[in-house]
C-alpha atoms as a PDB file:
ATOM      1  CA  MET A   1       0.092   0.038  -0.149  1.00  0.00           C
ATOM      2  CA  LYS A   2       2.872   2.506   1.015  1.00  0.00           C
ATOM      3  CA  TYR A   3       4.576   1.747  -2.612  1.00  0.00           C
ATOM      4  CA  VAL A   4       1.215   2.739  -4.204  1.00  0.00           C
ATOM      5  CA  LEU A   5       0.985   6.095  -2.404  1.00  0.00           C
ATOM      6  CA  LEU A   6       4.297   6.287  -3.055  1.00  0.00           C
ATOM      7  CA  VAL A   7       4.368   5.798  -6.952  1.00  0.00           C
ATOM      8  CA  PHE A   8       1.013   7.857  -6.896  1.00  0.00           C
ATOM      9  CA  ALA A   9       2.642  10.396  -5.350  1.00  0.00           C
ATOM     10  CA  LEU A  10       5.488  10.655  -7.488  1.00  0.00           C
ATOM     11  CA  THR A  11       3.474  10.512 -11.044  1.00  0.00           C
ATOM     12  CA  SER A  12       1.414  13.371  -9.897  1.00  0.00           C
ATOM     13  CA  ALA A  13       4.329  15.437  -8.421  1.00  0.00           C
ATOM     14  CA  LEU A  14       5.826  14.914 -11.959  1.00  0.00           C
ATOM     15  CA  CYS A  15       3.195  15.619 -14.705  1.00  0.00           C
ATOM     16  CA  ALA A  16       0.774  17.902 -12.448  1.00  0.00           C
ATOM     17  CA  ASP A  17      -0.451  21.374 -12.676  1.00  0.00           C
ATOM     18  CA  ALA A  18      -1.299  23.391  -9.991  1.00  0.00           C
ATOM     19  CA  PRO A  19      -4.827  21.459  -9.497  1.00  0.00           C
ATOM     20  CA  THR A  20      -3.877  18.481  -9.892  1.00  0.00           C
ATOM     21  CA  LEU A  21      -1.264  18.983  -7.224  1.00  0.00           C
ATOM     22  CA  PHE A  22      -3.530  20.698  -4.710  1.00  0.00           C
ATOM     23  CA  ARG A  23      -5.675  17.394  -4.653  1.00  0.00           C
ATOM     24  CA  GLN A  24      -3.110  15.910  -2.488  1.00  0.00           C
ATOM     25  CA  CYS A  25      -3.127  18.965  -0.023  1.00  0.00           C
ATOM     26  CA  GLN A  26      -6.786  19.142   0.028  1.00  0.00           C
ATOM     27  CA  ILE A  27      -7.074  15.899   2.323  1.00  0.00           C
ATOM     28  CA  CYS A  28      -5.863  17.882   4.956  1.00  0.00           C
ATOM     29  CA  HIS A  29      -5.718  21.255   4.653  1.00  0.00           C
ATOM     30  CA  GLY A  30      -9.304  21.488   2.918  1.00  0.00           C
ATOM     31  CA  LYS A  31     -10.699  22.632  -0.463  1.00  0.00           C
ATOM     32  CA  TYR A  32      -9.474  26.105  -0.145  1.00  0.00           C
ATOM     33  CA  ALA A  33      -6.561  25.487   2.330  1.00  0.00           C
ATOM     34  CA  GLU A  34      -8.229  27.011   4.680  1.00  0.00           C
ATOM     35  CA  LYS A  35      -7.603  24.192   7.312  1.00  0.00           C
ATOM     36  CA  PRO A  36      -4.145  24.328   9.025  1.00  0.00           C
ATOM     37  CA  MET A  37      -2.957  21.299  10.360  1.00  0.00           C
ATOM     38  CA  GLY A  38      -0.310  20.996  13.213  1.00  0.00           C
ATOM     39  CA  SER A  39       0.501  24.860  12.363  1.00  0.00           C
ATOM     40  CA  ARG A  40      -1.318  27.780  13.734  1.00  0.00           C
ATOM     41  CA  ILE A  41      -1.547  29.217  10.410  1.00  0.00           C
ATOM     42  CA  ALA A  42      -4.053  27.835   7.412  1.00  0.00           C
ATOM     43  CA  PRO A  43      -1.978  27.846   4.077  1.00  0.00           C
ATOM     44  CA  SER A  44      -4.633  30.227   2.572  1.00  0.00           C
ATOM     45  CA  SER A  45      -4.070  33.060   5.208  1.00  0.00           C
ATOM     46  CA  LEU A  46      -0.377  33.218   3.966  1.00  0.00           C
ATOM     47  CA  THR A  47       1.024  35.715   1.144  1.00  0.00           C
ATOM     48  CA  LYS A  48       2.072  34.035  -2.061  1.00  0.00           C
ATOM     49  CA  ASP A  49       5.896  34.377  -0.961  1.00  0.00           C
ATOM     50  CA  GLN A  50       5.332  33.703   2.365  1.00  0.00           C
ATOM     51  CA  MET A  51       3.753  29.943   1.368  1.00  0.00           C
ATOM     52  CA  SER A  52       6.260  29.510  -1.655  1.00  0.00           C
ATOM     53  CA  TYR A  53       9.000  30.114   1.200  1.00  0.00           C
ATOM     54  CA  ALA A  54       7.274  27.629   3.374  1.00  0.00           C
ATOM     55  CA  LEU A  55       7.096  24.863   0.834  1.00  0.00           C
ATOM     56  CA  ILE A  56      10.603  25.055  -0.261  1.00  0.00           C
ATOM     57  CA  LYS A  57      12.252  25.094   3.165  1.00  0.00           C
ATOM     58  CA  TYR A  58       9.622  21.791   3.309  1.00  0.00           C
ATOM     59  CA  ARG A  59      10.955  20.273   0.161  1.00  0.00           C
ATOM     60  CA  GLU A  60      14.901  20.922   1.441  1.00  0.00           C
ATOM     61  CA  ASN A  61      13.781  19.631   4.427  1.00  0.00           C
ATOM     62  CA  HIS A  62      14.557  22.331   6.650  1.00  0.00           C
ATOM     63  CA  GLN A  63      11.202  23.063   8.134  1.00  0.00           C
ATOM     64  CA  THR A  64      10.864  21.784  11.606  1.00  0.00           C
ATOM     65  CA  SER A  65       8.628  24.109  13.392  1.00  0.00           C
ATOM     66  CA  SER A  66       5.286  22.119  12.441  1.00  0.00           C
ATOM     67  CA  GLY A  67       4.399  18.755  13.936  1.00  0.00           C
ATOM     68  CA  ASN A  68       3.546  18.068  10.612  1.00  0.00           C
ATOM     69  CA  ALA A  69       7.096  18.567   9.012  1.00  0.00           C
ATOM     70  CA  LYS A  70       7.595  15.068   7.835  1.00  0.00           C
ATOM     71  CA  ILE A  71       4.593  15.006   6.276  1.00  0.00           C
ATOM     72  CA  MET A  72       4.847  17.906   4.623  1.00  0.00           C
ATOM     73  CA  SER A  73       8.511  17.375   3.150  1.00  0.00           C
ATOM     74  CA  THR A  74       7.491  14.250   2.238  1.00  0.00           C
ATOM     75  CA  ASN A  75       4.299  15.621  -0.139  1.00  0.00           C
ATOM     76  CA  VAL A  76       6.590  18.457  -1.221  1.00  0.00           C
ATOM     77  CA  ARG A  77       9.651  16.990  -1.766  1.00  0.00           C
ATOM     78  CA  HIS A  78       9.625  16.279  -5.722  1.00  0.00           C
ATOM     79  CA  PHE A  79       7.817  19.955  -6.234  1.00  0.00           C
ATOM     80  CA  THR A  80      10.252  22.495  -8.433  1.00  0.00           C
ATOM     81  CA  ASP A  81      10.323  25.862  -8.088  1.00  0.00           C
ATOM     82  CA  LYS A  82       7.725  26.191 -10.878  1.00  0.00           C
ATOM     83  CA  ASP A  83       5.178  23.753  -9.207  1.00  0.00           C
ATOM     84  CA  ILE A  84       5.941  25.664  -5.917  1.00  0.00           C
ATOM     85  CA  GLU A  85       5.126  28.723  -7.748  1.00  0.00           C
ATOM     86  CA  ASP A  86       2.166  27.491  -9.009  1.00  0.00           C
ATOM     87  CA  ILE A  87       0.637  26.102  -6.233  1.00  0.00           C
ATOM     88  CA  SER A  88       0.877  29.400  -4.583  1.00  0.00           C
ATOM     89  CA  ILE A  89      -0.849  31.366  -6.718  1.00  0.00           C
ATOM     90  CA  TYR A  90      -3.456  28.487  -7.027  1.00  0.00           C
ATOM     91  CA  ILE A  91      -4.167  28.778  -3.416  1.00  0.00           C
ATOM     92  CA  LYS A  92      -4.856  32.622  -3.168  1.00  0.00           C
ATOM     93  CA  GLU A  93      -7.018  32.150  -6.778  1.00  0.00           C
ATOM     94  CA  LEU A  94      -9.357  29.611  -4.528  1.00  0.00           C
ATOM     95  CA  GLN A  95      -9.530  32.392  -1.669  1.00  0.00           C
ATOM     96  CA  GLU A  96     -11.009  34.672  -4.271  1.00  0.00           C
ATOM     97  CA  GLN A  97     -13.127  31.524  -5.417  1.00  0.00           C
ATOM     98  CA  ARG A  98     -14.113  30.898  -1.814  1.00  0.00           C
ATOM     99  CA  LYS A  99     -14.977  34.744  -0.790  1.00  0.00           C
ATOM    100  CA  ALA A 100     -17.338  34.953  -4.023  1.00  0.00           C
ATOM    101  CA  GLU A 101     -18.820  31.479  -3.571  1.00  0.00           C
ATOM    102  CA  GLN A 102     -19.901  32.939   0.258  1.00  0.00           C
ATOM    103  CA  GLU A 103     -21.264  36.185  -1.173  1.00  0.00           C
ATOM    104  CA  ALA A 104     -22.810  34.572  -3.756  1.00  0.00           C
ATOM    105  CA  GLN A 105     -24.752  32.543  -1.049  1.00  0.00           C
ATOM    106  CA  ALA A 106     -25.159  35.514   1.196  1.00  0.00           C
ATOM    107  CA  ALA A 107     -27.401  37.268  -1.507  1.00  0.00           C
ATOM    108  CA  GLU A 108     -29.364  34.195  -2.029  1.00  0.00           C
ATOM    109  CA  LYS A 109     -29.846  34.090   1.725  1.00  0.00           C
ATOM    110  CA  LEU A 110     -30.780  37.670   1.565  1.00  0.00           C
ATOM    111  CA  LYS A 111     -33.362  37.109  -1.296  1.00  0.00           C
ATOM    112  CA  SER A 112     -34.770  34.565   0.320  1.00  0.00           C
ATOM    113  CA  LEU A 113     -35.798  36.359   3.198  1.00  0.00           C
ATOM    114  CA  GLU A 114     -37.588  39.369   1.134  1.00  0.00           C
END
C-alpha cells in the first residue's frame, strides 16, 4: 500500500499542474486551503511569497517548527520551483473563489428573506 501511494505521489508531482498538485493538499488543508494542520496558520492566510518560502523549506527538509513537517516534506520533496510558484498562486486564486461563493450564498440568503 505504501508503495502504491508513493508511486501515485511521484507521478502526480512529476506531471501535474497546480490543481492536480493541490488535490493531495486538500486531504489535510481543505477545499480552499483554509485549514491549518499542525501549525497555527492555514495556508490560505499566507501571502504567496510566504507560502512559497514555506514550501521550499519543507522541500529542503529545513522546516521543523510544525508537528507535521515530515508529512509536508514528503509531499513536496519532488515539487519543482515552478510547481511551488504555481501552487502558491493557485491557493490565492482559491481564496478569491471561496470569497465569491460566500458572497453568492449570502446574496441568495438575503433574497430568500425578502
